[in-house]
C-alpha atoms as a PDB file:
ATOM      1  CA  UNK A   1       6.277  28.114 -13.060  1.00  0.00           C
ATOM      2  CA  UNK A   2       9.154  29.752 -14.694  1.00  0.00           C
ATOM      3  CA  UNK A   3      12.132  28.739 -17.160  1.00  0.00           C
ATOM      4  CA  UNK A   4      15.601  29.052 -17.358  1.00  0.00           C
ATOM      5  CA  UNK A   5      18.092  29.081 -19.912  1.00  0.00           C
ATOM      6  CA  UNK A   6      20.409  26.454 -19.370  1.00  0.00           C
ATOM      7  CA  UNK A   7      24.333  26.456 -18.528  1.00  0.00           C
ATOM      8  CA  UNK A   8      24.873  22.786 -17.968  1.00  0.00           C
ATOM      9  CA  UNK A   9      22.471  20.303 -19.191  1.00  0.00           C
ATOM     10  CA  UNK A  10      22.168  17.122 -18.464  1.00  0.00           C
ATOM     11  CA  UNK A  11      23.651  14.545 -21.359  1.00  0.00           C
ATOM     12  CA  UNK A  12      20.477  13.991 -22.322  1.00  0.00           C
ATOM     13  CA  UNK A  13      21.420  12.838 -25.932  1.00  0.00           C
ATOM     14  CA  UNK A  14      19.509  13.197 -28.979  1.00  0.00           C
ATOM     15  CA  UNK A  15      16.102  12.561 -28.816  1.00  0.00           C
ATOM     16  CA  UNK A  16      14.438   9.563 -30.509  1.00  0.00           C
ATOM     17  CA  UNK A  17      13.257   9.969 -33.961  1.00  0.00           C
ATOM     18  CA  UNK A  18       9.350   9.497 -32.773  1.00  0.00           C
ATOM     19  CA  UNK A  19       8.432  10.503 -29.472  1.00  0.00           C
ATOM     20  CA  UNK A  20       4.782  10.145 -28.144  1.00  0.00           C
ATOM     21  CA  UNK A  21       3.050  12.460 -25.614  1.00  0.00           C
ATOM     22  CA  UNK A  22       3.397   9.386 -23.312  1.00  0.00           C
ATOM     23  CA  UNK A  23       6.369   7.746 -21.869  1.00  0.00           C
ATOM     24  CA  UNK A  24       7.373   4.896 -19.585  1.00  0.00           C
ATOM     25  CA  UNK A  25      10.233   5.465 -17.795  1.00  0.00           C
ATOM     26  CA  UNK A  26      10.386   1.987 -15.764  1.00  0.00           C
ATOM     27  CA  UNK A  27       9.936  -1.632 -16.328  1.00  0.00           C
ATOM     28  CA  UNK A  28       6.825  -3.254 -14.713  1.00  0.00           C
ATOM     29  CA  UNK A  29       9.221  -4.924 -11.814  1.00  0.00           C
ATOM     30  CA  UNK A  30      10.857  -2.127 -10.987  1.00  0.00           C
ATOM     31  CA  UNK A  31      10.385  -1.549  -7.052  1.00  0.00           C
ATOM     32  CA  UNK A  32       8.574   1.506  -6.107  1.00  0.00           C
ATOM     33  CA  UNK A  33       4.750   3.029  -6.026  1.00  0.00           C
ATOM     34  CA  UNK A  34       3.696   3.204  -9.177  1.00  0.00           C
ATOM     35  CA  UNK A  35       3.171   6.822 -10.222  1.00  0.00           C
ATOM     36  CA  UNK A  36       1.782   8.417 -13.298  1.00  0.00           C
ATOM     37  CA  UNK A  37       2.176  12.603 -13.930  1.00  0.00           C
ATOM     38  CA  UNK A  38      -0.022  14.129 -16.255  1.00  0.00           C
ATOM     39  CA  UNK A  39      -0.038  17.995 -17.492  1.00  0.00           C
ATOM     40  CA  UNK A  40      -0.052  20.455 -20.109  1.00  0.00           C
ATOM     41  CA  UNK A  41       2.540  22.815 -21.648  1.00  0.00           C
ATOM     42  CA  UNK A  42       1.123  25.983 -22.032  1.00  0.00           C
ATOM     43  CA  UNK A  43       2.210  29.462 -24.030  1.00  0.00           C
ATOM     44  CA  UNK A  44       3.587  32.527 -21.630  1.00  0.00           C
ATOM     45  CA  UNK A  45      -0.481  33.495 -21.404  1.00  0.00           C
ATOM     46  CA  UNK A  46      -1.081  30.496 -19.817  1.00  0.00           C
ATOM     47  CA  UNK A  47      -3.961  29.869 -21.635  1.00  0.00           C
ATOM     48  CA  UNK A  48      -2.735  28.490 -25.393  1.00  0.00           C
ATOM     49  CA  UNK A  49      -1.860  24.844 -25.399  1.00  0.00           C
ATOM     50  CA  UNK A  50       1.914  24.353 -27.231  1.00  0.00           C
ATOM     51  CA  UNK A  51       2.100  21.844 -29.099  1.00  0.00           C
ATOM     52  CA  UNK A  52       5.804  19.492 -30.297  1.00  0.00           C
ATOM     53  CA  UNK A  53       7.494  20.641 -27.134  1.00  0.00           C
ATOM     54  CA  UNK A  54       9.774  17.912 -26.277  1.00  0.00           C
ATOM     55  CA  UNK A  55      10.377  17.320 -22.657  1.00  0.00           C
ATOM     56  CA  UNK A  56      13.222  15.173 -21.519  1.00  0.00           C
ATOM     57  CA  UNK A  57      12.724  13.529 -17.847  1.00  0.00           C
ATOM     58  CA  UNK A  58      15.070  11.716 -15.152  1.00  0.00           C
ATOM     59  CA  UNK A  59      14.577  10.558 -12.026  1.00  0.00           C
ATOM     60  CA  UNK A  60      16.286   8.567  -8.813  1.00  0.00           C
ATOM     61  CA  UNK A  61      14.726   5.033  -8.172  1.00  0.00           C
ATOM     62  CA  UNK A  62      12.846   4.390  -5.341  1.00  0.00           C
ATOM     63  CA  UNK A  63      16.025   3.765  -3.204  1.00  0.00           C
ATOM     64  CA  UNK A  64      17.078   7.895  -4.185  1.00  0.00           C
ATOM     65  CA  UNK A  65      19.959   6.358  -6.884  1.00  0.00           C
ATOM     66  CA  UNK A  66      20.029   7.830 -10.308  1.00  0.00           C
ATOM     67  CA  UNK A  67      22.233   4.549 -11.360  1.00  0.00           C
ATOM     68  CA  UNK A  68      22.929   1.388  -9.053  1.00  0.00           C
ATOM     69  CA  UNK A  69      26.506   1.013 -10.683  1.00  0.00           C
ATOM     70  CA  UNK A  70      28.240   4.691  -9.911  1.00  0.00           C
ATOM     71  CA  UNK A  71      25.345   6.583  -8.525  1.00  0.00           C
ATOM     72  CA  UNK A  72      25.760   9.124 -10.907  1.00  0.00           C
ATOM     73  CA  UNK A  73      23.056  11.825 -12.112  1.00  0.00           C
ATOM     74  CA  UNK A  74      25.163  12.008 -15.782  1.00  0.00           C
ATOM     75  CA  UNK A  75      23.712   8.442 -16.279  1.00  0.00           C
ATOM     76  CA  UNK A  76      20.196   7.750 -14.895  1.00  0.00           C
ATOM     77  CA  UNK A  77      18.383   4.965 -15.240  1.00  0.00           C
ATOM     78  CA  UNK A  78      15.122   6.565 -15.157  1.00  0.00           C
ATOM     79  CA  UNK A  79      14.620   8.597 -18.002  1.00  0.00           C
ATOM     80  CA  UNK A  80      12.740   9.143 -20.968  1.00  0.00           C
ATOM     81  CA  UNK A  81      11.118  11.362 -23.697  1.00  0.00           C
ATOM     82  CA  UNK A  82       7.875  12.847 -24.246  1.00  0.00           C
ATOM     83  CA  UNK A  83       6.273  15.343 -26.673  1.00  0.00           C
ATOM     84  CA  UNK A  84       3.369  17.366 -26.413  1.00  0.00           C
ATOM     85  CA  UNK A  85       0.254  16.635 -28.146  1.00  0.00           C
ATOM     86  CA  UNK A  86      -1.868  19.303 -30.023  1.00  0.00           C
ATOM     87  CA  UNK A  87      -4.050  20.156 -27.091  1.00  0.00           C
ATOM     88  CA  UNK A  88      -0.134  20.595 -24.777  1.00  0.00           C
ATOM     89  CA  UNK A  89      -0.736  17.292 -23.265  1.00  0.00           C
ATOM     90  CA  UNK A  90       1.847  14.631 -21.728  1.00  0.00           C
ATOM     91  CA  UNK A  91       1.750  11.793 -19.820  1.00  0.00           C
ATOM     92  CA  UNK A  92       4.678  10.357 -17.573  1.00  0.00           C
ATOM     93  CA  UNK A  93       4.339   6.162 -16.050  1.00  0.00           C
ATOM     94  CA  UNK A  94       7.239   6.089 -13.794  1.00  0.00           C
ATOM     95  CA  UNK A  95       7.245   5.537  -9.938  1.00  0.00           C
ATOM     96  CA  UNK A  96       7.811   7.451  -6.971  1.00  0.00           C
ATOM     97  CA  UNK A  97      11.453   8.658  -6.270  1.00  0.00           C
ATOM     98  CA  UNK A  98      13.078   8.288  -3.644  1.00  0.00           C
ATOM     99  CA  UNK A  99      15.541  11.075  -1.876  1.00  0.00           C
ATOM    100  CA  UNK A 100      19.184  10.933  -2.111  1.00  0.00           C
ATOM    101  CA  UNK A 101      20.559   8.266   0.335  1.00  0.00           C
ATOM    102  CA  UNK A 102      21.572  10.701   3.830  1.00  0.00           C
ATOM    103  CA  UNK A 103      20.090  13.438   2.743  1.00  0.00           C
ATOM    104  CA  UNK A 104      17.263  16.202   3.080  1.00  0.00           C
ATOM    105  CA  UNK A 105      16.820  17.298  -0.302  1.00  0.00           C
ATOM    106  CA  UNK A 106      13.162  16.274  -1.044  1.00  0.00           C
ATOM    107  CA  UNK A 107      11.923  13.679  -4.201  1.00  0.00           C
ATOM    108  CA  UNK A 108      12.081  14.967  -7.299  1.00  0.00           C
ATOM    109  CA  UNK A 109      11.902  14.267 -10.636  1.00  0.00           C
ATOM    110  CA  UNK A 110      14.512  16.714 -13.231  1.00  0.00           C
ATOM    111  CA  UNK A 111      13.489  18.254 -16.703  1.00  0.00           C
ATOM    112  CA  UNK A 112      14.112  19.807 -19.637  1.00  0.00           C
ATOM    113  CA  UNK A 113      12.319  20.942 -22.386  1.00  0.00           C
ATOM    114  CA  UNK A 114      13.237  21.749 -25.756  1.00  0.00           C
ATOM    115  CA  UNK A 115      11.092  24.621 -27.345  1.00  0.00           C
ATOM    116  CA  UNK A 116      10.295  24.343 -31.461  1.00  0.00           C
ATOM    117  CA  UNK A 117      13.419  25.709 -32.607  1.00  0.00           C
ATOM    118  CA  UNK A 118      15.287  23.821 -30.488  1.00  0.00           C
ATOM    119  CA  UNK A 119      15.985  25.934 -27.617  1.00  0.00           C
ATOM    120  CA  UNK A 120      16.832  23.629 -24.476  1.00  0.00           C
ATOM    121  CA  UNK A 121      16.289  24.855 -20.980  1.00  0.00           C
ATOM    122  CA  UNK A 122      15.891  23.250 -17.639  1.00  0.00           C
ATOM    123  CA  UNK A 123      12.353  23.610 -15.763  1.00  0.00           C
ATOM    124  CA  UNK A 124      11.770  23.893 -12.185  1.00  0.00           C
ATOM    125  CA  UNK A 125      11.891  20.527 -10.733  1.00  0.00           C
ATOM    126  CA  UNK A 126       8.938  18.500 -10.020  1.00  0.00           C
ATOM    127  CA  UNK A 127       8.552  18.095  -6.082  1.00  0.00           C
ATOM    128  CA  UNK A 128       5.475  16.227  -4.285  1.00  0.00           C
ATOM    129  CA  UNK A 129       3.154  18.023  -1.505  1.00  0.00           C
ATOM    130  CA  UNK A 130       4.014  16.384   1.615  1.00  0.00           C
ATOM    131  CA  UNK A 131       7.409  15.630   1.365  1.00  0.00           C
ATOM    132  CA  UNK A 132       9.019  16.540   4.593  1.00  0.00           C
ATOM    133  CA  UNK A 133      12.159  18.018   2.835  1.00  0.00           C
ATOM    134  CA  UNK A 134      10.644  20.576   0.812  1.00  0.00           C
ATOM    135  CA  UNK A 135      11.695  23.827   2.401  1.00  0.00           C
ATOM    136  CA  UNK A 136       9.468  26.891   3.278  1.00  0.00           C
ATOM    137  CA  UNK A 137      10.005  28.153  -0.186  1.00  0.00           C
ATOM    138  CA  UNK A 138       8.867  24.766  -1.807  1.00  0.00           C
ATOM    139  CA  UNK A 139       5.840  24.766   0.343  1.00  0.00           C
ATOM    140  CA  UNK A 140       4.777  28.437  -0.491  1.00  0.00           C
ATOM    141  CA  UNK A 141       5.154  27.390  -4.476  1.00  0.00           C
ATOM    142  CA  UNK A 142       2.739  24.842  -3.848  1.00  0.00           C
ATOM    143  CA  UNK A 143       0.227  27.004  -3.527  1.00  0.00           C
ATOM    144  CA  UNK A 144       0.741  28.653  -6.533  1.00  0.00           C
ATOM    145  CA  UNK A 145      -2.184  27.127  -8.196  1.00  0.00           C
ATOM    146  CA  UNK A 146      -2.046  25.276 -11.278  1.00  0.00           C
ATOM    147  CA  UNK A 147       2.015  25.863 -12.726  1.00  0.00           C
ATOM    148  CA  UNK A 148       3.225  24.850  -9.273  1.00  0.00           C
ATOM    149  CA  UNK A 149       5.947  22.935  -9.248  1.00  0.00           C
ATOM    150  CA  UNK A 150       5.006  21.081  -6.225  1.00  0.00           C
ATOM    151  CA  UNK A 151       2.410  18.343  -7.148  1.00  0.00           C
ATOM    152  CA  UNK A 152      -0.468  16.991  -4.951  1.00  0.00           C
ATOM    153  CA  UNK A 153      -0.718  12.990  -5.142  1.00  0.00           C
ATOM    154  CA  UNK A 154      -3.915  11.051  -4.883  1.00  0.00           C
ATOM    155  CA  UNK A 155      -4.498   7.425  -5.258  1.00  0.00           C
ATOM    156  CA  UNK A 156      -6.331   6.807  -8.039  1.00  0.00           C
ATOM    157  CA  UNK A 157      -9.490   4.030  -8.322  1.00  0.00           C
ATOM    158  CA  UNK A 158      -6.945   1.835  -9.817  1.00  0.00           C
ATOM    159  CA  UNK A 159      -4.689   2.244  -6.709  1.00  0.00           C
ATOM    160  CA  UNK A 160      -1.945   3.956  -9.018  1.00  0.00           C
ATOM    161  CA  UNK A 161      -0.589   7.423  -7.771  1.00  0.00           C
ATOM    162  CA  UNK A 162      -1.459  10.485  -9.860  1.00  0.00           C
ATOM    163  CA  UNK A 163      -0.417  13.989 -10.057  1.00  0.00           C
ATOM    164  CA  UNK A 164      -0.594  16.995 -12.570  1.00  0.00           C
ATOM    165  CA  UNK A 165       2.101  19.426 -13.343  1.00  0.00           C
ATOM    166  CA  UNK A 166       1.209  22.375 -15.766  1.00  0.00           C
ATOM    167  CA  UNK A 167       3.990  24.088 -17.491  1.00  0.00           C
ATOM    168  CA  UNK A 168       3.449  27.580 -18.640  1.00  0.00           C
ATOM    169  CA  UNK A 169       6.944  28.764 -20.542  1.00  0.00           C
ATOM    170  CA  UNK A 170       8.021  32.189 -20.173  1.00  0.00           C
ATOM    171  CA  UNK A 171       8.745  34.371 -23.139  1.00  0.00           C
ATOM    172  CA  UNK A 172      12.508  33.963 -23.168  1.00  0.00           C
END
């Protein structure tokens, strides 16, 4: 997983004053399958967890739209912030997003990270193993091990879908 400098970050605005290492993007009555994404953000060595990395995430709802009013990705309805804890961990409670209506784009979650010092960057979309719209390149990335952006989904004993997305930040 690598991150790149952004030319055009989403209008995420300013993060709230207090950000937890856990966030909930959806209300309890949101349509769709509940999903919990957990992970750890690491330094370029892939071993040292990074504390204090702020992540802004946004996604479509289960029907594949960002905003029911104008369907614009620029005003996503399901969005939130997390800030890695002392162990570099984060946790996102949401639903499994849908693919864009009428498209062959895989379901995904968008994210940017803000590094200590204020540099904001896109990271690769969070994708889901088994999605019929994954490209061959996406499927190849699924084999990249711990830092793949293609997440394997399993159902926990509580019936909730769960997946892990570990992120290794590059040196740039």
